[in-house]
Amino acid sequence: MTQRTTLFIVCTLKIVMVLFVMAWPASSDENHLKYEIASPPSCKNNLGEKVLFRDVDNGRAESAAGMAKRNETGTPIVYRFAYQHSPRPLQQFIDLHECAHHQTGDVDLPHPQRNSPEHMMNESIADCIATLRIRDEITRGEDVVFQAVEQLIKDMIKIGFPSLTMESRKANILHCLQKKESADAFIEGVLRHRKLK
């Protein structure tokens, strides 16, 4: 009886091990992948100051995110959160989106209330500048924009954004991709409109 019990336990463990090995790759998803972190782009704010980029891993984020602000010494900076969790095209898009907040003077202006029309306009402008820069500065830029948008929408779905918000953002980015002007010309227009130039 003891040999049969031992044989049964050994066979059961082998079957469980085989099932685990077979199921493990299927249970992995993009959140478990680690991506190489892209080098930050060149970025100067509307005052001509160099913008610094700092990688931050707070251990909680499941996808890349960024934040443009001035640090405690007043230096313009972009904080890059959890970039290792998102593919390169999205990292590049976020970097240039956050850089755009510096380029248009958003960082030094009073921050509008979250989700207000003014806030949404600032985000749309930053998306447009990022799109134009990727299109014009990165090899196969249009493809990079499409890949970034695809990943961005996946991440927004995970976070729980309303579909109308996601579709509006995607439409804005794809519309900007078709603009005839450069990012510099677009930024110039924004600064003149805001009387910052």
Protein backbone atom coordinates (compact mmCIF):
# COMPACT_ATOMS: atom_id res chain seq x y z
CA MET A 1 0.00 0.00 0.00
CA THR A 2 2.84 2.40 0.81
CA GLN A 3 4.51 1.85 -2.59
CA ARG A 4 1.22 2.48 -4.38
CA THR A 5 0.61 5.66 -2.39
CA THR A 6 4.15 6.89 -3.08
CA LEU A 7 3.81 6.05 -6.78
CA PHE A 8 0.45 7.86 -6.90
CA ILE A 9 1.90 10.99 -5.24
CA VAL A 10 4.95 11.01 -7.57
CA CYS A 11 2.74 10.62 -10.68
CA THR A 12 0.37 13.32 -9.45
CA LEU A 13 3.27 15.72 -8.84
CA LYS A 14 4.66 15.03 -12.32
CA ILE A 15 1.27 15.70 -13.93
CA VAL A 16 0.86 18.94 -11.92
CA MET A 17 4.38 20.01 -12.93
CA VAL A 18 3.68 19.33 -16.64
CA LEU A 19 0.39 21.25 -16.46
CA PHE A 20 2.12 24.15 -14.70
CA VAL A 21 4.87 24.33 -17.33
CA MET A 22 2.28 24.22 -20.12
CA ALA A 23 0.00 26.83 -18.53
CA TRP A 24 2.71 29.25 -17.39
CA PRO A 25 3.43 30.88 -20.79
CA ALA A 26 -0.33 31.22 -21.43
CA SER A 27 -0.82 33.06 -18.14
CA SER A 28 1.96 35.56 -18.89
CA ASP A 29 0.85 38.85 -20.37
CA GLU A 30 2.43 42.16 -21.35
CA ASN A 31 2.51 43.37 -17.74
CA HIS A 32 5.21 40.82 -16.97
CA LEU A 33 7.41 41.80 -19.90
CA LYS A 34 10.38 44.06 -19.30
CA TYR A 35 11.31 46.50 -22.05
CA GLU A 36 14.56 48.34 -22.60
CA ILE A 37 14.15 51.98 -21.63
CA ALA A 38 14.55 54.36 -24.59
CA SER A 39 16.99 57.25 -24.43
CA PRO A 40 15.21 60.54 -23.72
CA PRO A 41 14.75 63.01 -26.57
CA SER A 42 16.23 66.47 -26.87
CA CYS A 43 13.93 68.93 -25.13
CA LYS A 44 14.05 72.63 -24.29
CA ASN A 45 11.20 74.56 -22.74
CA ASN A 46 9.68 77.75 -24.15
CA LEU A 47 12.31 79.79 -22.25
CA GLY A 48 15.21 77.90 -23.85
CA GLU A 49 16.05 75.90 -20.70
CA LYS A 50 17.18 72.29 -21.13
CA VAL A 51 14.61 69.81 -19.80
CA LEU A 52 16.01 66.88 -17.81
CA PHE A 53 14.51 63.39 -17.81
CA ARG A 54 14.55 61.19 -14.70
CA ASP A 55 13.55 57.49 -14.59
CA VAL A 56 11.45 56.54 -11.58
CA ASP A 57 10.34 53.02 -10.64
CA ASN A 58 7.81 53.24 -7.84
CA GLY A 59 7.06 49.53 -8.13
CA ARG A 60 3.31 50.00 -8.55
CA ALA A 61 2.67 51.16 -12.12
CA GLU A 62 1.85 48.54 -14.74
CA SER A 63 2.55 50.78 -17.73
CA ALA A 64 4.66 53.81 -18.54
CA ALA A 65 3.55 57.27 -17.47
CA GLY A 66 5.17 60.68 -17.35
CA MET A 67 4.91 63.99 -15.53
CA ALA A 68 6.27 67.38 -16.60
CA LYS A 69 7.09 69.91 -13.89
CA ARG A 70 9.87 71.91 -12.28
CA ASN A 71 11.79 70.12 -9.55
CA GLU A 72 12.59 71.53 -6.10
CA THR A 73 15.45 73.65 -7.55
CA GLY A 74 13.30 75.02 -10.38
CA THR A 75 14.85 72.87 -13.11
CA PRO A 76 12.40 71.78 -15.83
CA ILE A 77 12.09 68.01 -15.65
CA VAL A 78 10.12 65.05 -16.97
CA TYR A 79 9.64 62.17 -14.55
CA ARG A 80 9.43 58.83 -16.38
CA PHE A 81 7.48 56.25 -14.37
CA ALA A 82 7.74 52.48 -15.01
CA TYR A 83 9.01 52.78 -18.58
CA GLN A 84 10.28 49.21 -18.38
CA HIS A 85 6.65 48.04 -18.54
CA SER A 86 5.81 49.57 -21.94
CA PRO A 87 7.18 49.19 -25.48
CA ARG A 88 9.55 51.76 -26.97
CA PRO A 89 6.98 53.56 -29.20
CA LEU A 90 4.81 54.41 -26.18
CA GLN A 91 7.87 55.49 -24.18
CA GLN A 92 8.85 57.83 -27.02
CA PHE A 93 5.33 59.22 -27.28
CA ILE A 94 5.11 59.90 -23.54
CA ASP A 95 8.54 61.58 -23.50
CA LEU A 96 7.59 63.93 -26.33
CA HIS A 97 4.10 64.55 -24.89
CA GLU A 98 5.62 65.61 -21.54
CA CYS A 99 8.31 67.63 -23.32
CA ALA A 100 5.50 69.45 -25.14
CA HIS A 101 4.06 70.62 -21.81
CA HIS A 102 7.41 72.36 -21.24
CA GLN A 103 7.64 73.65 -24.83
CA THR A 104 4.21 75.30 -24.69
CA GLY A 105 4.69 76.84 -21.25
CA ASP A 106 2.04 74.64 -19.57
CA VAL A 107 4.39 73.88 -16.69
CA ASP A 108 4.78 77.55 -15.74
CA LEU A 109 1.12 78.52 -16.21
CA PRO A 110 -1.61 77.93 -13.60
CA HIS A 111 -2.68 74.31 -13.93
CA PRO A 112 -6.32 74.07 -15.05
CA GLN A 113 -8.73 71.86 -13.13
CA ARG A 114 -8.37 68.20 -14.12
CA ASN A 115 -10.72 67.17 -16.95
CA SER A 116 -11.81 70.77 -17.53
CA PRO A 117 -11.97 71.92 -21.18
CA GLU A 118 -8.71 73.86 -20.66
CA HIS A 119 -6.96 70.79 -19.24
CA MET A 120 -8.21 68.59 -22.09
CA MET A 121 -7.04 71.18 -24.63
CA ASN A 122 -3.53 71.20 -23.07
CA GLU A 123 -3.44 67.39 -23.33
CA SER A 124 -4.62 67.45 -26.95
CA ILE A 125 -1.96 70.02 -27.85
CA ALA A 126 0.76 67.94 -26.16
CA ASP A 127 -0.45 64.81 -28.01
CA CYS A 128 -0.33 66.71 -31.30
CA ILE A 129 3.22 68.01 -30.74
CA ALA A 130 4.41 64.52 -29.75
CA THR A 131 2.80 63.11 -32.90
CA LEU A 132 4.42 65.70 -35.17
CA ARG A 133 7.85 65.21 -33.61
CA ILE A 134 7.68 61.43 -33.93
CA ARG A 135 6.50 61.74 -37.52
CA ASP A 136 9.30 64.13 -38.47
CA GLU A 137 12.20 63.08 -36.22
CA ILE A 138 12.06 59.28 -35.92
CA THR A 139 12.73 56.80 -38.71
CA ARG A 140 9.42 55.32 -39.90
CA GLY A 141 7.72 57.84 -37.63
CA GLU A 142 4.17 57.19 -38.85
CA ASP A 143 4.51 53.51 -37.92
CA VAL A 144 5.85 54.50 -34.50
CA VAL A 145 2.81 56.75 -33.96
CA PHE A 146 0.41 53.92 -34.89
CA GLN A 147 2.20 51.53 -32.51
CA ALA A 148 2.17 54.12 -29.72
CA VAL A 149 -1.56 54.79 -30.17
CA GLU A 150 -2.34 51.06 -30.14
CA GLN A 151 -0.47 50.59 -26.85
CA LEU A 152 -1.87 53.81 -25.39
CA ILE A 153 -5.44 52.65 -26.03
CA LYS A 154 -4.71 49.23 -24.48
CA ASP A 155 -3.36 50.94 -21.36
CA MET A 156 -6.30 53.36 -21.18
CA ILE A 157 -8.70 50.39 -21.36
CA LYS A 158 -6.87 48.73 -18.44
CA ILE A 159 -7.09 51.92 -16.39
CA GLY A 160 -10.81 52.24 -17.16
CA PHE A 161 -11.08 55.36 -19.32
CA PRO A 162 -14.46 55.89 -21.01
CA SER A 163 -14.51 54.77 -24.65
CA LEU A 164 -15.48 58.29 -25.80
CA THR A 165 -12.31 59.71 -24.20
CA MET A 166 -10.15 57.04 -25.83
CA GLU A 167 -11.70 57.48 -29.27
CA SER A 168 -11.39 61.26 -29.04
CA ARG A 169 -7.72 61.04 -28.10
CA LYS A 170 -6.97 58.54 -30.86
CA ALA A 171 -8.81 60.68 -33.45
CA ASN A 172 -6.86 63.79 -32.38
CA ILE A 173 -3.52 61.99 -32.70
CA LEU A 174 -4.36 60.55 -36.13
CA HIS A 175 -5.65 63.96 -37.30
CA CYS A 176 -2.38 65.59 -36.16
CA LEU A 177 -0.41 62.99 -38.09
CA GLN A 178 -1.91 64.47 -41.28
CA LYS A 179 -1.01 68.10 -40.52
CA LYS A 180 1.23 69.81 -43.05
CA GLU A 181 3.06 71.91 -40.46
CA SER A 182 6.07 70.98 -38.34
CA ALA A 183 6.07 70.63 -34.57
CA ASP A 184 8.09 73.87 -34.29
CA ALA A 185 5.50 75.80 -36.31
CA PHE A 186 2.68 74.31 -34.25
CA ILE A 187 4.44 75.23 -30.98
CA GLU A 188 5.07 78.74 -32.30
CA GLY A 189 1.33 79.15 -32.94
CA VAL A 190 0.44 77.93 -29.43
CA LEU A 191 2.95 80.31 -27.80
CA ARG A 192 1.68 83.28 -29.83
CA HIS A 193 -1.93 82.41 -28.94
CA ARG A 194 -0.96 82.29 -25.26
CA LYS A 195 1.01 85.55 -25.62
CA LEU A 196 4.16 83.77 -24.46
CA LYS A 197 6.05 84.89 -27.59
